[in-house]
Amino acid sequence: MTYEPIIGLEIHSELATATKLFCSCPTKFGAPANSQVCPICMGHPGTLPVVNEKAVEYMVRTALALNCKIAEITTFDRKNYYYPDLPKNYQVSQQYHPFGKDGFLEIKTGNGAKRIGLDNIHLEEDAGKNVHPEGKSVSFVDINRAGIPLVEIVTKPDLRDVEEVEIFMNDLRNILLYTGVSDCKMQEGSLRFEANISVRERGQNYMPPRVEIKNLNSFKIVLSAVKHEIGRQMKMLEKKETVLRETRLWDDEKQITRPMRSKEEAHDYRYFPEPDLPPLFISQEEIEKIKKELPELPNARKERFAVDYGLTEYDSNLLTSSKEMADFFEESLKVFNQLHPVRNSPDIASGRTISNGAKEIANWLIGPVTRYLNEHNISIKETKLTPELLVGITTYVHEGIINQNTAKNILPEILEKGKSPEELIKEKGLTQVTDEGEISRAVDKVLQANQQAVKDFQNGKTETLGFLVGQVMKITKGKANPKIAGELIKKGLKNL
């Protein structure tokens, strides 16, 4: 018997407003505990909330970017239960009339395009944070986060495997970043996920009991939890056991989900209309204004990169997977075209002129730059690299002043210290050796010292040529022109 998972996600993302949803307290992350609070977000009696206009604009922007129907009239509701980290003991949310409904996000999987439905998108206030010092029998409450505006995005149960979940999360995060509504820093709690998972026999249409997994705060944890929970439920079905409708938590140490509460024990939130906030009216003119101001979204930018710059789908995907990286690429290309206006070529298929610098810059950003960023877990904005410095590297390589390996070796210093390639080349004496006489002397030494490699080449093992070129580079401390070195090695081998 085969089974299929049915997966839905609930996504909470803090909006990047300067102040909270119902008061003027700042939202800066990392401030001292309880330093960004006031009587309104502390829940003092007699205080009245006022809706943050920028939060409403960001909500509409998000809903439009996700193809939702925008409600012209929207209301807030109270969600009641005991919040130790929200002093009012209720959360202002939207249960009955959310900002957006019936949206979708189209993702591209190995099986083609798939549309993931979005049930609703609504605005609510975040709760505070409980702090549990290790080794102490006390807990503290930090109210700084209480009242920060949150957008909650609720998908329909349209996801069917871990791959689709990963693609959806990445695509959604990119849209939130591209629209500028959130910084999506999961390590700071500004993007959080909950997963609803059930499993049924493949080909069936019924909806089995679902398990909700809460408090998933990284992509890796979401994927691990979803994968484990699918496997757990499949094993239970194989054993003819009943899967209960319940809420579970992810145990990252044991790599398992564990019960939190059954749905029978779930709270009755006793929603009712928020009496202190009147309905919000959003005119069609306001919606159209926000729509016109929407930036270019990831999928559109991806297609433009392929058409305008002649990049492959693979390169376009990688560059546009981060708004910062896509922006950096286009800024670098502008600098490149200003410095090298003649280094362009016609594209026969489109009839356009394609900048030859596009592929060069893309290769550097996708390759060594991204490798460095991943190793140090930072973004390109957190480095000292500028478009001018990157174009400088590609120019020196193109003009033969340094070779590719040398350029890659000095890249970390450029990223960390912002030193120019020219400065580093002079400082370290890295100018590429193109003098054939000097390289030839290095080749002679290498051939004499590596007789076995010479014999292997002569016996048909042509891959040893790369080894011999590497030895020449080693002797010349990476300065030799590798193309000239390769040609001289071939010539020397024929004369032996």
Protein backbone atom coordinates (compact mmCIF):
# COMPACT_ATOMS: atom_id res chain seq x y z
CA MET A 1 0.00 0.00 0.00
CA THR A 2 1.31 3.47 -0.87
CA TYR A 3 0.58 6.69 0.97
CA GLU A 4 0.70 10.40 0.25
CA PRO A 5 1.31 13.25 2.69
CA ILE A 6 -1.02 16.25 2.86
CA ILE A 7 0.84 19.30 4.13
CA GLY A 8 -0.20 22.83 4.93
CA LEU A 9 1.91 25.61 6.45
CA GLU A 10 1.19 28.56 8.71
CA ILE A 11 3.80 31.27 8.37
CA HIS A 12 4.32 34.13 10.80
CA SER A 13 6.52 36.98 9.64
CA GLU A 14 7.24 40.15 11.59
CA LEU A 15 6.65 43.22 9.45
CA ALA A 16 9.60 45.59 9.08
CA THR A 17 7.87 48.64 10.57
CA ALA A 18 9.78 51.06 12.78
CA THR A 19 7.09 50.94 15.47
CA LYS A 20 4.64 48.40 16.88
CA LEU A 21 1.18 47.63 15.57
CA PHE A 22 -0.87 49.66 18.07
CA CYS A 23 1.62 52.01 19.72
CA SER A 24 4.76 54.04 18.96
CA CYS A 25 7.24 51.74 20.73
CA PRO A 26 10.26 50.83 18.55
CA THR A 27 10.72 47.31 17.15
CA LYS A 28 14.51 47.14 17.12
CA PHE A 29 15.85 43.63 17.77
CA GLY A 30 18.30 43.02 20.61
CA ALA A 31 17.37 45.96 22.84
CA PRO A 32 17.64 45.42 26.62
CA ALA A 33 14.70 43.44 28.01
CA ASN A 34 11.52 45.46 28.57
CA SER A 35 13.10 48.68 27.30
CA GLN A 36 10.75 49.05 24.31
CA VAL A 37 7.42 49.02 26.08
CA CYS A 38 4.62 51.42 27.02
CA PRO A 39 1.21 51.23 28.75
CA ILE A 40 -0.46 50.09 25.49
CA CYS A 41 1.77 47.08 24.75
CA MET A 42 1.99 46.37 28.48
CA GLY A 43 -1.81 46.02 28.53
CA HIS A 44 -2.55 48.68 31.13
CA PRO A 45 -6.25 49.35 31.76
CA GLY A 46 -7.74 52.36 30.02
CA THR A 47 -5.27 52.44 27.11
CA LEU A 48 -6.50 52.53 23.52
CA PRO A 49 -4.72 51.08 20.48
CA VAL A 50 -4.21 52.96 17.21
CA VAL A 51 -3.45 50.94 14.05
CA ASN A 52 -0.02 51.44 12.45
CA GLU A 53 -0.69 52.75 8.90
CA LYS A 54 2.59 51.34 7.55
CA ALA A 55 1.68 47.86 8.84
CA VAL A 56 -1.60 48.05 6.91
CA GLU A 57 0.26 49.10 3.75
CA TYR A 58 2.72 46.20 4.18
CA MET A 59 -0.19 43.81 4.69
CA VAL A 60 -1.85 44.89 1.45
CA ARG A 61 1.51 44.74 -0.35
CA THR A 62 2.01 41.16 0.85
CA ALA A 63 -1.50 40.10 -0.10
CA LEU A 64 -1.14 41.59 -3.60
CA ALA A 65 2.24 39.94 -4.14
CA LEU A 66 0.60 36.61 -3.24
CA ASN A 67 -2.33 37.06 -5.63
CA CYS A 68 -4.97 37.46 -2.91
CA LYS A 69 -8.39 39.04 -3.10
CA ILE A 70 -8.13 42.16 -0.95
CA ALA A 71 -10.97 42.93 1.46
CA GLU A 72 -12.15 46.52 1.26
CA ILE A 73 -13.50 46.19 4.81
CA THR A 74 -11.43 44.30 7.37
CA THR A 75 -11.84 43.93 11.13
CA PHE A 76 -9.82 42.89 14.16
CA ASP A 77 -10.79 40.27 16.74
CA ARG A 78 -9.68 39.30 20.21
CA LYS A 79 -8.19 35.84 20.64
CA ASN A 80 -8.48 34.99 24.32
CA TYR A 81 -6.34 32.69 26.40
CA TYR A 82 -3.67 32.96 29.03
CA TYR A 83 -0.51 34.46 27.54
CA PRO A 84 2.28 34.68 30.12
CA ASP A 85 4.18 36.87 27.64
CA LEU A 86 1.28 39.09 26.49
CA PRO A 87 0.04 41.05 29.54
CA LYS A 88 -3.46 41.72 28.14
CA ASN A 89 -4.18 37.96 28.16
CA TYR A 90 -5.58 38.25 24.67
CA GLN A 91 -4.09 38.76 21.24
CA VAL A 92 -5.51 41.15 18.66
CA SER A 93 -5.80 39.15 15.44
CA GLN A 94 -8.19 38.68 12.49
CA GLN A 95 -10.45 35.65 12.60
CA TYR A 96 -13.49 36.67 10.59
CA HIS A 97 -12.50 39.39 8.10
CA PRO A 98 -8.78 39.11 7.16
CA PHE A 99 -6.99 41.41 4.71
CA GLY A 100 -6.49 38.82 1.97
CA LYS A 101 -8.15 35.56 0.91
CA ASP A 102 -7.85 32.91 -1.80
CA GLY A 103 -4.33 33.73 -2.96
CA PHE A 104 -1.68 31.45 -4.41
CA LEU A 105 2.03 31.02 -4.93
CA GLU A 106 3.20 29.12 -7.99
CA ILE A 107 6.31 27.04 -7.42
CA LYS A 108 8.49 25.12 -9.87
CA THR A 109 9.32 21.55 -8.91
CA GLY A 110 11.05 18.70 -10.70
CA ASN A 111 7.62 17.75 -12.02
CA GLY A 112 6.84 21.23 -13.37
CA ALA A 113 4.88 24.21 -12.09
CA LYS A 114 2.43 23.80 -9.23
CA ARG A 115 0.07 26.32 -7.66
CA ILE A 116 -0.08 26.30 -3.85
CA GLY A 117 -3.30 27.88 -2.61
CA LEU A 118 -3.36 30.39 0.24
CA ASP A 119 -6.47 30.31 2.40
CA ASN A 120 -5.98 33.70 4.01
CA ILE A 121 -3.47 36.35 5.01
CA HIS A 122 -4.14 38.36 8.14
CA LEU A 123 -2.56 40.87 10.50
CA GLU A 124 -2.02 40.34 14.21
CA GLU A 125 0.24 41.40 17.05
CA ASP A 126 3.17 39.29 18.21
CA ALA A 127 3.52 38.03 21.78
CA GLY A 128 6.47 38.70 24.05
CA LYS A 129 9.16 36.20 24.92
CA ASN A 130 9.69 33.93 27.91
CA VAL A 131 13.31 33.61 28.98
CA HIS A 132 14.42 30.51 30.90
CA PRO A 133 17.97 30.95 32.25
CA GLU A 134 19.88 27.67 32.20
CA GLY A 135 20.42 26.15 35.62
CA LYS A 136 17.94 28.47 37.36
CA SER A 137 14.48 27.67 38.69
CA VAL A 138 13.00 30.98 37.52
CA SER A 139 11.70 32.37 34.25
CA PHE A 140 11.67 35.95 33.01
CA VAL A 141 9.33 37.73 30.62
CA ASP A 142 10.55 40.20 27.98
CA ILE A 143 7.70 42.30 26.56
CA ASN A 144 9.82 44.04 23.87
CA ARG A 145 8.39 41.82 21.12
CA ALA A 146 4.78 42.11 22.31
CA GLY A 147 2.78 44.19 19.85
CA ILE A 148 5.17 43.91 16.88
CA PRO A 149 3.03 43.53 13.74
CA LEU A 150 2.88 40.02 12.31
CA VAL A 151 1.57 38.85 8.97
CA GLU A 152 0.19 35.32 9.19
CA ILE A 153 -0.05 33.40 5.91
CA VAL A 154 -2.14 30.23 5.97
CA THR A 155 -1.76 27.84 3.04
CA LYS A 156 -4.27 25.35 1.81
CA PRO A 157 -3.26 21.67 2.24
CA ASP A 158 -1.73 21.57 -1.25
CA LEU A 159 1.85 20.53 -0.48
CA ARG A 160 2.65 16.88 -1.04
CA ASP A 161 6.29 16.27 -0.11
CA VAL A 162 9.38 17.73 1.55
CA GLU A 163 10.74 19.05 -1.76
CA GLU A 164 7.61 21.13 -2.35
CA VAL A 165 7.76 22.44 1.24
CA GLU A 166 11.37 23.57 0.76
CA ILE A 167 10.70 25.26 -2.58
CA PHE A 168 7.59 26.97 -1.20
CA MET A 169 9.41 28.30 1.89
CA ASN A 170 12.28 29.67 -0.19
CA ASP A 171 9.97 31.28 -2.74
CA LEU A 172 7.75 32.82 -0.06
CA ARG A 173 10.74 34.17 1.86
CA ASN A 174 12.06 35.75 -1.35
CA ILE A 175 8.73 37.47 -2.03
CA LEU A 176 8.65 38.90 1.50
CA LEU A 177 12.22 40.16 1.05
CA TYR A 178 11.64 41.54 -2.45
CA THR A 179 8.55 43.46 -1.34
CA GLY A 180 10.47 44.84 1.65
CA VAL A 181 7.78 43.92 4.17
CA SER A 182 10.03 41.78 6.40
CA ASP A 183 13.72 41.06 6.97
CA CYS A 184 12.84 37.33 7.40
CA LYS A 185 15.66 36.75 9.89
CA MET A 186 14.74 33.38 11.36
CA GLN A 187 17.58 33.58 13.88
CA GLU A 188 15.88 36.70 15.31
CA GLY A 189 12.40 35.19 15.25
CA SER A 190 11.04 37.40 12.48
CA LEU A 191 10.06 34.39 10.32
CA ARG A 192 8.49 31.31 11.92
CA PHE A 193 6.65 28.26 10.63
CA GLU A 194 4.07 25.77 11.81
CA ALA A 195 3.28 22.66 9.77
CA ASN A 196 0.02 20.71 9.52
CA ILE A 197 0.62 17.16 8.33
CA SER A 198 -1.60 14.17 7.63
CA VAL A 199 -1.12 11.01 5.58
CA ARG A 200 -3.65 9.03 3.55
CA GLU A 201 -3.71 6.19 1.04
CA ARG A 202 -2.64 7.45 -2.36
CA GLY A 203 -5.56 8.15 -4.65
CA GLN A 204 -8.07 8.78 -1.83
CA ASN A 205 -9.91 12.09 -1.38
CA TYR A 206 -10.78 12.06 2.33
CA MET A 207 -9.01 14.37 4.82
CA PRO A 208 -7.47 12.34 7.65
CA PRO A 209 -6.77 13.81 11.11
CA ARG A 210 -3.94 16.30 10.95
CA VAL A 211 -1.02 16.81 13.27
CA GLU A 212 0.16 20.36 13.89
CA ILE A 213 3.86 20.91 14.61
CA LYS A 214 4.55 24.23 16.31
CA ASN A 215 7.56 26.49 16.88
CA LEU A 216 9.69 25.61 13.86
CA ASN A 217 12.31 28.35 13.61
CA SER A 218 14.61 27.34 10.75
CA PHE A 219 14.22 25.86 7.28
CA LYS A 220 16.32 22.88 8.32
CA ILE A 221 14.10 22.19 11.34
CA VAL A 222 10.91 22.55 9.28
CA LEU A 223 12.15 20.01 6.72
CA SER A 224 13.42 17.59 9.38
CA ALA A 225 10.16 17.78 11.33
CA VAL A 226 7.97 17.33 8.24
CA LYS A 227 10.04 14.38 7.00
CA HIS A 228 9.99 12.67 10.39
CA GLU A 229 6.27 13.24 10.94
CA ILE A 230 5.38 11.84 7.51
CA GLY A 231 7.41 8.73 8.30
CA ARG A 232 5.88 8.40 11.78
CA GLN A 233 2.33 8.54 10.47
CA MET A 234 3.07 6.11 7.62
CA LYS A 235 4.44 3.57 10.09
CA MET A 236 1.34 3.96 12.25
CA LEU A 237 -0.95 3.38 9.26
CA GLU A 238 1.04 0.28 8.27
CA LYS A 239 0.43 -1.07 11.77
CA LYS A 240 -3.28 -0.19 11.54
CA GLU A 241 -2.85 2.32 14.38
CA THR A 242 -4.98 5.47 14.64
CA VAL A 243 -3.27 8.80 14.03
CA LEU A 244 -4.69 11.28 16.55
CA ARG A 245 -5.43 14.89 15.78
CA GLU A 246 -2.94 16.63 18.03
CA THR A 247 -0.31 19.32 18.40
CA ARG A 248 3.31 18.18 18.59
CA LEU A 249 6.68 19.83 19.14
CA TRP A 250 9.97 19.12 17.41
CA ASP A 251 12.75 17.70 19.59
CA ASP A 252 15.88 18.79 17.70
CA GLU A 253 18.22 16.80 19.94
CA LYS A 254 16.40 13.50 19.39
CA GLN A 255 15.23 14.43 15.87
CA ILE A 256 11.64 13.41 16.61
CA THR A 257 8.27 15.06 17.16
CA ARG A 258 6.71 14.63 20.58
CA PRO A 259 3.17 15.30 21.86
CA MET A 260 2.28 18.73 23.21
CA ARG A 261 -1.51 18.46 23.51
CA SER A 262 -4.40 16.71 21.83
CA LYS A 263 -6.88 18.84 19.91
CA GLU A 264 -9.55 17.77 22.41
CA GLU A 265 -7.56 19.71 24.98
CA ALA A 266 -7.12 22.74 22.76
CA HIS A 267 -8.20 26.10 24.09
CA ASP A 268 -11.47 27.71 23.14
CA TYR A 269 -10.13 31.06 21.99
CA ARG A 270 -13.54 32.75 22.39
CA TYR A 271 -12.98 35.10 19.46
CA PHE A 272 -15.07 38.23 19.43
CA PRO A 273 -14.78 41.59 17.58
CA GLU A 274 -12.11 43.88 19.03
CA PRO A 275 -14.20 46.68 20.67
CA ASP A 276 -11.37 49.24 20.73
CA LEU A 277 -10.66 49.14 16.97
CA PRO A 278 -13.20 50.15 14.33
CA PRO A 279 -13.36 48.36 10.96
CA LEU A 280 -10.72 49.39 8.43
CA PHE A 281 -11.90 50.59 5.02
CA ILE A 282 -9.39 50.22 2.18
CA SER A 283 -10.50 51.88 -1.03
CA GLN A 284 -9.88 50.40 -4.46
CA GLU A 285 -7.80 53.50 -5.27
CA GLU A 286 -5.49 52.79 -2.33
CA ILE A 287 -5.16 49.14 -3.36
CA GLU A 288 -4.29 50.14 -6.94
CA LYS A 289 -1.73 52.68 -5.68
CA ILE A 290 0.05 50.04 -3.59
CA LYS A 291 -0.15 47.59 -6.50
CA LYS A 292 1.61 50.03 -8.84
CA GLU A 293 4.37 50.53 -6.27
CA LEU A 294 5.09 46.80 -5.98
CA PRO A 295 8.70 46.02 -6.95
CA GLU A 296 9.67 43.44 -9.53
CA LEU A 297 9.05 40.03 -7.93
CA PRO A 298 11.52 37.10 -8.02
CA ASN A 299 9.93 35.09 -10.86
CA ALA A 300 9.67 38.13 -13.13
CA ARG A 301 13.26 39.10 -12.35
CA LYS A 302 14.41 35.55 -13.02
CA GLU A 303 12.86 35.61 -16.49
CA ARG A 304 14.32 39.05 -17.22
CA PHE A 305 17.82 37.93 -16.23
CA ALA A 306 17.57 35.06 -18.71
CA VAL A 307 16.23 37.24 -21.54
CA ASP A 308 18.14 40.50 -21.03
CA TYR A 309 21.48 39.11 -19.89
CA GLY A 310 21.56 35.77 -21.70
CA LEU A 311 21.98 33.83 -18.44
CA THR A 312 20.98 30.21 -18.06
CA GLU A 313 17.92 29.32 -16.02
CA TYR A 314 20.28 27.83 -13.40
CA ASP A 315 22.29 31.05 -13.08
CA SER A 316 19.15 33.21 -13.03
CA ASN A 317 17.63 31.03 -10.29
CA LEU A 318 20.68 31.33 -8.07
CA LEU A 319 21.14 35.07 -8.54
CA THR A 320 17.50 35.93 -7.88
CA SER A 321 17.19 33.60 -4.89
CA SER A 322 18.45 36.55 -2.84
CA LYS A 323 17.33 40.12 -3.48
CA GLU A 324 20.63 41.41 -2.15
CA MET A 325 22.56 39.20 -4.55
CA ALA A 326 20.34 40.11 -7.53
CA ASP A 327 20.73 43.82 -6.76
CA PHE A 328 24.50 43.44 -6.40
CA PHE A 329 24.68 41.62 -9.75
CA GLU A 330 22.83 44.38 -11.61
CA GLU A 331 24.83 47.15 -9.93
CA SER A 332 28.07 45.35 -10.85
CA LEU A 333 26.93 44.94 -14.43
CA LYS A 334 26.26 48.69 -14.69
CA VAL A 335 29.81 49.39 -13.52
CA PHE A 336 31.17 46.79 -15.95
CA ASN A 337 29.32 48.26 -18.94
CA GLN A 338 30.56 51.76 -18.11
CA LEU A 339 34.17 50.54 -18.03
CA HIS A 340 33.93 48.11 -20.95
CA PRO A 341 31.25 49.33 -23.36
CA VAL A 342 32.75 47.38 -26.28
CA ARG A 343 32.80 44.03 -24.51
CA ASN A 344 29.31 43.15 -25.70
CA SER A 345 28.04 40.70 -28.28
CA PRO A 346 24.85 40.27 -30.32
CA ASP A 347 22.36 37.60 -29.34
CA ILE A 348 21.10 36.09 -32.60
CA ALA A 349 17.95 34.58 -31.10
CA SER A 350 16.65 37.81 -29.56
CA GLY A 351 18.40 40.39 -31.74
CA ARG A 352 19.66 42.09 -28.58
CA THR A 353 23.16 43.06 -27.53
CA ILE A 354 24.23 40.99 -24.51
CA SER A 355 26.91 42.22 -22.11
CA ASN A 356 29.75 39.73 -21.94
CA GLY A 357 30.27 40.86 -18.37
CA ALA A 358 26.98 39.28 -17.26
CA LYS A 359 28.32 35.73 -17.33
CA GLU A 360 31.67 36.75 -15.78
CA ILE A 361 30.02 38.58 -12.89
CA ALA A 362 27.42 35.84 -12.42
CA ASN A 363 30.17 33.19 -12.24
CA TRP A 364 32.01 35.13 -9.54
CA LEU A 365 28.91 35.78 -7.46
CA ILE A 366 27.51 32.24 -7.78
CA GLY A 367 30.93 30.63 -7.26
CA PRO A 368 33.64 31.99 -4.95
CA VAL A 369 31.62 34.87 -3.46
CA THR A 370 28.66 32.66 -2.48
CA ARG A 371 31.04 29.98 -1.19
CA TYR A 372 32.64 32.56 1.14
CA LEU A 373 29.24 33.87 2.29
CA ASN A 374 28.02 30.35 3.08
CA GLU A 375 31.20 29.46 4.97
CA HIS A 376 30.87 32.56 7.14
CA ASN A 377 27.06 32.53 7.31
CA ILE A 378 26.75 36.17 6.23
CA SER A 379 25.05 38.13 3.47
CA ILE A 380 26.84 40.09 0.76
CA LYS A 381 25.81 43.32 2.51
CA GLU A 382 27.84 42.27 5.54
CA THR A 383 31.07 42.23 3.51
CA LYS A 384 33.27 45.08 2.23
CA LEU A 385 32.82 43.95 -1.36
CA THR A 386 31.45 46.61 -3.73
CA PRO A 387 30.42 46.34 -7.40
CA GLU A 388 33.52 48.39 -8.29
CA LEU A 389 35.83 45.97 -6.47
CA LEU A 390 34.23 42.91 -8.08
CA VAL A 391 34.47 44.41 -11.56
CA GLY A 392 38.10 45.26 -10.77
CA ILE A 393 38.83 41.57 -10.10
CA THR A 394 37.19 40.43 -13.36
CA THR A 395 39.04 43.15 -15.30
CA TYR A 396 42.47 42.16 -13.98
CA VAL A 397 41.78 38.51 -14.82
CA HIS A 398 40.47 39.36 -18.30
CA GLU A 399 43.49 41.55 -19.05
CA GLY A 400 45.88 38.82 -17.89
CA ILE A 401 47.38 40.84 -15.05
CA ILE A 402 46.49 38.05 -12.61
CA ASN A 403 45.12 34.58 -13.21
CA GLN A 404 41.85 33.14 -11.95
CA ASN A 405 43.43 31.27 -9.02
CA THR A 406 45.28 34.35 -7.81
CA ALA A 407 42.08 36.36 -8.02
CA LYS A 408 40.25 33.76 -5.93
CA ASN A 409 43.07 33.79 -3.37
CA ILE A 410 42.85 37.55 -2.80
CA LEU A 411 39.03 37.59 -2.75
CA PRO A 412 38.74 36.94 1.04
CA GLU A 413 40.85 40.02 1.82
CA ILE A 414 38.71 42.12 -0.48
CA LEU A 415 35.54 40.80 1.18
CA GLU A 416 36.88 41.31 4.70
CA LYS A 417 38.92 44.50 4.39
CA GLY A 418 37.64 46.20 1.26
CA LYS A 419 41.13 46.42 -0.23
CA SER A 420 41.27 47.00 -3.97
CA PRO A 421 42.66 44.27 -6.27
CA GLU A 422 45.28 46.75 -7.50
CA GLU A 423 46.45 47.40 -3.93
CA LEU A 424 46.72 43.69 -3.12
CA ILE A 425 48.49 42.85 -6.39
CA LYS A 426 51.17 45.48 -5.69
CA GLU A 427 51.40 44.63 -1.98
CA LYS A 428 51.88 40.90 -2.61
CA GLY A 429 53.69 41.05 -5.94
CA LEU A 430 51.03 38.97 -7.67
CA THR A 431 51.32 40.19 -11.25
CA GLN A 432 50.90 37.23 -13.58
CA VAL A 433 54.03 35.93 -15.30
CA THR A 434 53.53 35.77 -19.06
CA ASP A 435 57.19 35.68 -20.05
CA GLU A 436 57.62 32.35 -21.88
CA GLY A 437 61.28 32.13 -20.98
CA GLU A 438 60.58 32.31 -17.24
CA ILE A 439 57.67 29.87 -17.45
CA SER A 440 59.72 27.51 -19.65
CA ARG A 441 62.40 27.28 -16.96
CA ALA A 442 59.73 26.33 -14.42
CA VAL A 443 58.33 23.73 -16.85
CA ASP A 444 61.77 22.13 -17.28
CA LYS A 445 62.10 21.77 -13.50
CA VAL A 446 58.64 20.22 -13.20
CA LEU A 447 59.23 17.68 -16.01
CA GLN A 448 62.54 16.63 -14.49
CA ALA A 449 61.07 16.25 -11.00
CA ASN A 450 57.97 14.31 -12.08
CA GLN A 451 59.18 11.50 -14.32
CA GLN A 452 56.29 9.20 -13.40
CA ALA A 453 53.73 11.80 -14.43
CA VAL A 454 55.61 12.29 -17.70
CA LYS A 455 55.49 8.53 -18.39
CA ASP A 456 51.79 8.41 -17.51
CA PHE A 457 51.06 11.20 -19.99
CA GLN A 458 53.07 9.49 -22.69
CA ASN A 459 51.08 6.29 -22.00
CA GLY A 460 47.81 8.08 -22.73
CA LYS A 461 46.83 9.45 -19.28
CA THR A 462 46.13 12.97 -20.50
CA GLU A 463 44.64 14.01 -17.16
CA THR A 464 48.18 14.24 -15.77
CA LEU A 465 48.60 17.44 -17.77
CA GLY A 466 46.50 19.23 -15.14
CA PHE A 467 48.78 17.90 -12.40
CA LEU A 468 51.87 19.15 -14.21
CA VAL A 469 50.34 22.59 -14.78
CA GLY A 470 49.55 22.66 -11.06
CA GLN A 471 53.19 21.97 -10.24
CA VAL A 472 54.30 24.86 -12.46
CA MET A 473 51.81 27.11 -10.65
CA LYS A 474 53.22 25.92 -7.36
CA ILE A 475 56.82 26.74 -8.36
CA THR A 476 55.82 30.19 -9.63
CA LYS A 477 53.68 30.82 -6.54
CA GLY A 478 50.56 30.98 -8.66
CA LYS A 479 51.86 33.72 -10.93
CA ALA A 480 52.37 31.79 -14.17
CA ASN A 481 49.81 32.12 -16.91
CA PRO A 482 48.24 28.62 -16.79
CA LYS A 483 47.40 28.62 -20.50
CA ILE A 484 50.99 29.36 -21.51
CA ALA A 485 52.23 26.81 -18.94
CA GLY A 486 49.97 24.11 -20.44
CA GLU A 487 51.18 24.83 -23.98
CA LEU A 488 54.84 24.76 -22.92
CA ILE A 489 54.35 21.47 -21.02
CA LYS A 490 52.81 19.84 -24.12
CA LYS A 491 55.70 21.13 -26.20
CA GLY A 492 58.24 19.88 -23.68
CA LEU A 493 56.60 16.41 -23.51
CA LYS A 494 56.74 16.05 -27.30
CA ASN A 495 60.48 16.83 -27.28
CA LEU A 496 61.31 14.23 -24.62
